[in-house]
Amino acid sequence: MKKLTLAAAIVAGFGLFNAKAQNVNGMKLTDIHVDYIQIRSVKSLLADKQWIALEYGQKVGDYSELYIRDDDGKKLEFNSAIDGVNKMKAYGYELFSVYAEQIDKDSNRPVYVLKRK
């Protein structure tokens, strides 16, 4: 029984060792403690990829600093903006409101406002 417990602890340790924490502009998502955030989907022009831009009131020098990234600084891909909303549920947020942001004269995109539970 002790060997089984030790083996399970080792496997769990390796799993946690390889886990990547998500961050925005160097701030881990687990360390963001604000009441409201907003997210929007940003689509790649050349590839079939989507990223999530997240704003929580941080100072931003470049728009690319808004993307959710892994520890290596690589932008995390999402299936859709709703995939991002569901991801943020794990961090204690729920959907509060949705509004349309105008991109150009003929198109807009939804922006999701999330509230901490």
C-alpha atoms as a PDB file:
ATOM      1  CA  MET A   1       0.000   0.000   0.000  1.00  0.00           C
ATOM      2  CA  LYS A   2       2.858   2.394   0.792  1.00  0.00           C
ATOM      3  CA  LYS A   3       4.426   1.695  -2.611  1.00  0.00           C
ATOM      4  CA  LEU A   4       1.156   2.508  -4.360  1.00  0.00           C
ATOM      5  CA  THR A   5       0.827   5.784  -2.459  1.00  0.00           C
ATOM      6  CA  LEU A   6       4.439   6.707  -3.216  1.00  0.00           C
ATOM      7  CA  ALA A   7       3.993   5.882  -6.904  1.00  0.00           C
ATOM      8  CA  ALA A   8       0.829   8.001  -7.091  1.00  0.00           C
ATOM      9  CA  ALA A   9       2.607  10.925  -5.409  1.00  0.00           C
ATOM     10  CA  ILE A  10       5.506  10.697  -7.875  1.00  0.00           C
ATOM     11  CA  VAL A  11       3.185  10.606 -10.883  1.00  0.00           C
ATOM     12  CA  ALA A  12       1.215  13.586  -9.548  1.00  0.00           C
ATOM     13  CA  GLY A  13       4.464  15.461  -8.939  1.00  0.00           C
ATOM     14  CA  PHE A  14       5.606  14.929 -12.522  1.00  0.00           C
ATOM     15  CA  GLY A  15       2.209  16.021 -13.797  1.00  0.00           C
ATOM     16  CA  LEU A  16       2.330  19.249 -11.800  1.00  0.00           C
ATOM     17  CA  PHE A  17       5.945  19.839 -12.788  1.00  0.00           C
ATOM     18  CA  ASN A  18       4.988  19.916 -16.475  1.00  0.00           C
ATOM     19  CA  ALA A  19       1.847  22.026 -15.969  1.00  0.00           C
ATOM     20  CA  LYS A  20       1.947  25.489 -17.478  1.00  0.00           C
ATOM     21  CA  ALA A  21       0.427  28.497 -15.778  1.00  0.00           C
ATOM     22  CA  GLN A  22      -1.387  30.981 -17.949  1.00  0.00           C
ATOM     23  CA  ASN A  23      -0.523  34.650 -17.728  1.00  0.00           C
ATOM     24  CA  VAL A  24      -1.335  38.021 -19.260  1.00  0.00           C
ATOM     25  CA  ASN A  25       1.469  40.560 -19.574  1.00  0.00           C
ATOM     26  CA  GLY A  26       3.516  38.514 -17.087  1.00  0.00           C
ATOM     27  CA  MET A  27       0.731  38.375 -14.471  1.00  0.00           C
ATOM     28  CA  LYS A  28      -0.529  34.866 -13.688  1.00  0.00           C
ATOM     29  CA  LEU A  29      -4.266  34.456 -14.081  1.00  0.00           C
ATOM     30  CA  THR A  30      -4.414  33.035 -10.550  1.00  0.00           C
ATOM     31  CA  ASP A  31      -2.932  36.320  -9.247  1.00  0.00           C
ATOM     32  CA  ILE A  32      -5.506  38.580 -10.909  1.00  0.00           C
ATOM     33  CA  HIS A  33      -7.951  39.601  -8.185  1.00  0.00           C
ATOM     34  CA  VAL A  34     -10.255  42.187  -9.718  1.00  0.00           C
ATOM     35  CA  ASP A  35     -14.036  42.257  -9.796  1.00  0.00           C
ATOM     36  CA  TYR A  36     -14.396  42.554 -13.581  1.00  0.00           C
ATOM     37  CA  ILE A  37     -12.394  41.554 -16.631  1.00  0.00           C
ATOM     38  CA  GLN A  38     -13.157  41.642 -20.327  1.00  0.00           C
ATOM     39  CA  ILE A  39     -12.083  39.240 -23.015  1.00  0.00           C
ATOM     40  CA  ARG A  40     -12.322  39.217 -26.774  1.00  0.00           C
ATOM     41  CA  SER A  41     -11.327  36.747 -29.433  1.00  0.00           C
ATOM     42  CA  VAL A  42      -8.559  37.776 -31.833  1.00  0.00           C
ATOM     43  CA  LYS A  43      -8.355  35.761 -35.042  1.00  0.00           C
ATOM     44  CA  SER A  44      -5.239  35.167 -37.092  1.00  0.00           C
ATOM     45  CA  LEU A  45      -5.368  36.562 -40.609  1.00  0.00           C
ATOM     46  CA  LEU A  46      -3.304  33.799 -42.211  1.00  0.00           C
ATOM     47  CA  ALA A  47      -4.049  30.738 -40.107  1.00  0.00           C
ATOM     48  CA  ASP A  48      -7.138  29.228 -38.522  1.00  0.00           C
ATOM     49  CA  LYS A  49      -6.132  30.283 -34.994  1.00  0.00           C
ATOM     50  CA  GLN A  50      -7.804  32.308 -32.270  1.00  0.00           C
ATOM     51  CA  TRP A  51      -6.291  33.893 -29.216  1.00  0.00           C
ATOM     52  CA  ILE A  52      -7.901  35.616 -26.263  1.00  0.00           C
ATOM     53  CA  ALA A  53      -7.105  39.210 -25.342  1.00  0.00           C
ATOM     54  CA  LEU A  54      -7.808  39.798 -21.647  1.00  0.00           C
ATOM     55  CA  GLU A  55      -8.050  43.170 -19.941  1.00  0.00           C
ATOM     56  CA  TYR A  56      -8.319  43.634 -16.189  1.00  0.00           C
ATOM     57  CA  GLY A  57      -7.241  47.278 -15.930  1.00  0.00           C
ATOM     58  CA  GLN A  58      -3.538  46.707 -16.497  1.00  0.00           C
ATOM     59  CA  LYS A  59      -1.294  49.264 -18.167  1.00  0.00           C
ATOM     60  CA  VAL A  60      -0.589  48.092 -21.705  1.00  0.00           C
ATOM     61  CA  GLY A  61       2.224  49.317 -23.923  1.00  0.00           C
ATOM     62  CA  ASP A  62       1.463  47.008 -26.847  1.00  0.00           C
ATOM     63  CA  TYR A  63      -1.782  45.274 -27.803  1.00  0.00           C
ATOM     64  CA  SER A  64       0.016  41.917 -28.006  1.00  0.00           C
ATOM     65  CA  GLU A  65       0.592  42.105 -24.225  1.00  0.00           C
ATOM     66  CA  LEU A  66      -3.122  41.382 -23.732  1.00  0.00           C
ATOM     67  CA  TYR A  67      -2.953  37.799 -25.013  1.00  0.00           C
ATOM     68  CA  ILE A  68      -3.197  34.876 -22.618  1.00  0.00           C
ATOM     69  CA  ARG A  69       0.167  33.089 -22.771  1.00  0.00           C
ATOM     70  CA  ASP A  70       1.883  30.072 -21.245  1.00  0.00           C
ATOM     71  CA  ASP A  71       5.028  30.258 -19.085  1.00  0.00           C
ATOM     72  CA  ASP A  72       7.195  30.183 -22.203  1.00  0.00           C
ATOM     73  CA  GLY A  73       5.509  33.319 -23.554  1.00  0.00           C
ATOM     74  CA  LYS A  74       3.682  31.462 -26.319  1.00  0.00           C
ATOM     75  CA  LYS A  75       0.135  32.659 -27.047  1.00  0.00           C
ATOM     76  CA  LEU A  76      -2.433  30.026 -26.109  1.00  0.00           C
ATOM     77  CA  GLU A  77      -4.847  29.054 -28.853  1.00  0.00           C
ATOM     78  CA  PHE A  78      -8.577  28.832 -28.147  1.00  0.00           C
ATOM     79  CA  ASN A  79     -11.422  27.327 -30.144  1.00  0.00           C
ATOM     80  CA  SER A  80     -13.560  30.452 -29.728  1.00  0.00           C
ATOM     81  CA  ALA A  81     -14.242  33.344 -27.396  1.00  0.00           C
ATOM     82  CA  ILE A  82     -16.689  31.137 -25.503  1.00  0.00           C
ATOM     83  CA  ASP A  83     -13.817  28.703 -24.951  1.00  0.00           C
ATOM     84  CA  GLY A  84     -12.043  31.609 -23.243  1.00  0.00           C
ATOM     85  CA  VAL A  85     -15.140  32.408 -21.157  1.00  0.00           C
ATOM     86  CA  ASN A  86     -15.281  28.778 -20.044  1.00  0.00           C
ATOM     87  CA  LYS A  87     -11.550  28.830 -19.234  1.00  0.00           C
ATOM     88  CA  MET A  88     -12.012  31.871 -17.016  1.00  0.00           C
ATOM     89  CA  LYS A  89     -14.782  30.096 -15.104  1.00  0.00           C
ATOM     90  CA  ALA A  90     -12.024  27.947 -13.583  1.00  0.00           C
ATOM     91  CA  TYR A  91     -10.460  31.175 -12.256  1.00  0.00           C
ATOM     92  CA  GLY A  92     -13.671  32.250 -10.492  1.00  0.00           C
ATOM     93  CA  TYR A  93     -15.332  34.410 -13.154  1.00  0.00           C
ATOM     94  CA  GLU A  94     -18.804  34.225 -14.678  1.00  0.00           C
ATOM     95  CA  LEU A  95     -20.325  35.953 -17.682  1.00  0.00           C
ATOM     96  CA  PHE A  96     -21.782  39.337 -16.737  1.00  0.00           C
ATOM     97  CA  SER A  97     -22.423  41.137 -20.025  1.00  0.00           C
ATOM     98  CA  VAL A  98     -21.667  41.074 -23.752  1.00  0.00           C
ATOM     99  CA  TYR A  99     -21.359  44.065 -26.058  1.00  0.00           C
ATOM    100  CA  ALA A 100     -20.261  44.588 -29.656  1.00  0.00           C
ATOM    101  CA  GLU A 101     -16.991  46.351 -30.446  1.00  0.00           C
ATOM    102  CA  GLN A 102     -16.815  47.908 -33.899  1.00  0.00           C
ATOM    103  CA  ILE A 103     -13.757  46.703 -35.827  1.00  0.00           C
ATOM    104  CA  ASP A 104     -14.318  48.666 -39.004  1.00  0.00           C
ATOM    105  CA  LYS A 105     -17.181  50.245 -40.929  1.00  0.00           C
ATOM    106  CA  ASP A 106     -18.905  46.945 -41.716  1.00  0.00           C
ATOM    107  CA  SER A 107     -17.967  44.527 -38.945  1.00  0.00           C
ATOM    108  CA  ASN A 108     -17.862  44.146 -35.202  1.00  0.00           C
ATOM    109  CA  ARG A 109     -16.984  41.480 -32.647  1.00  0.00           C
ATOM    110  CA  PRO A 110     -18.370  40.546 -29.262  1.00  0.00           C
ATOM    111  CA  VAL A 111     -16.579  41.559 -26.089  1.00  0.00           C
ATOM    112  CA  TYR A 112     -17.369  39.523 -22.993  1.00  0.00           C
ATOM    113  CA  VAL A 113     -17.399  41.166 -19.577  1.00  0.00           C
ATOM    114  CA  LEU A 114     -16.861  38.681 -16.760  1.00  0.00           C
ATOM    115  CA  LYS A 115     -17.528  39.217 -13.066  1.00  0.00           C
ATOM    116  CA  ARG A 116     -15.800  37.483 -10.178  1.00  0.00           C
ATOM    117  CA  LYS A 117     -18.180  35.146  -8.373  1.00  0.00           C
END
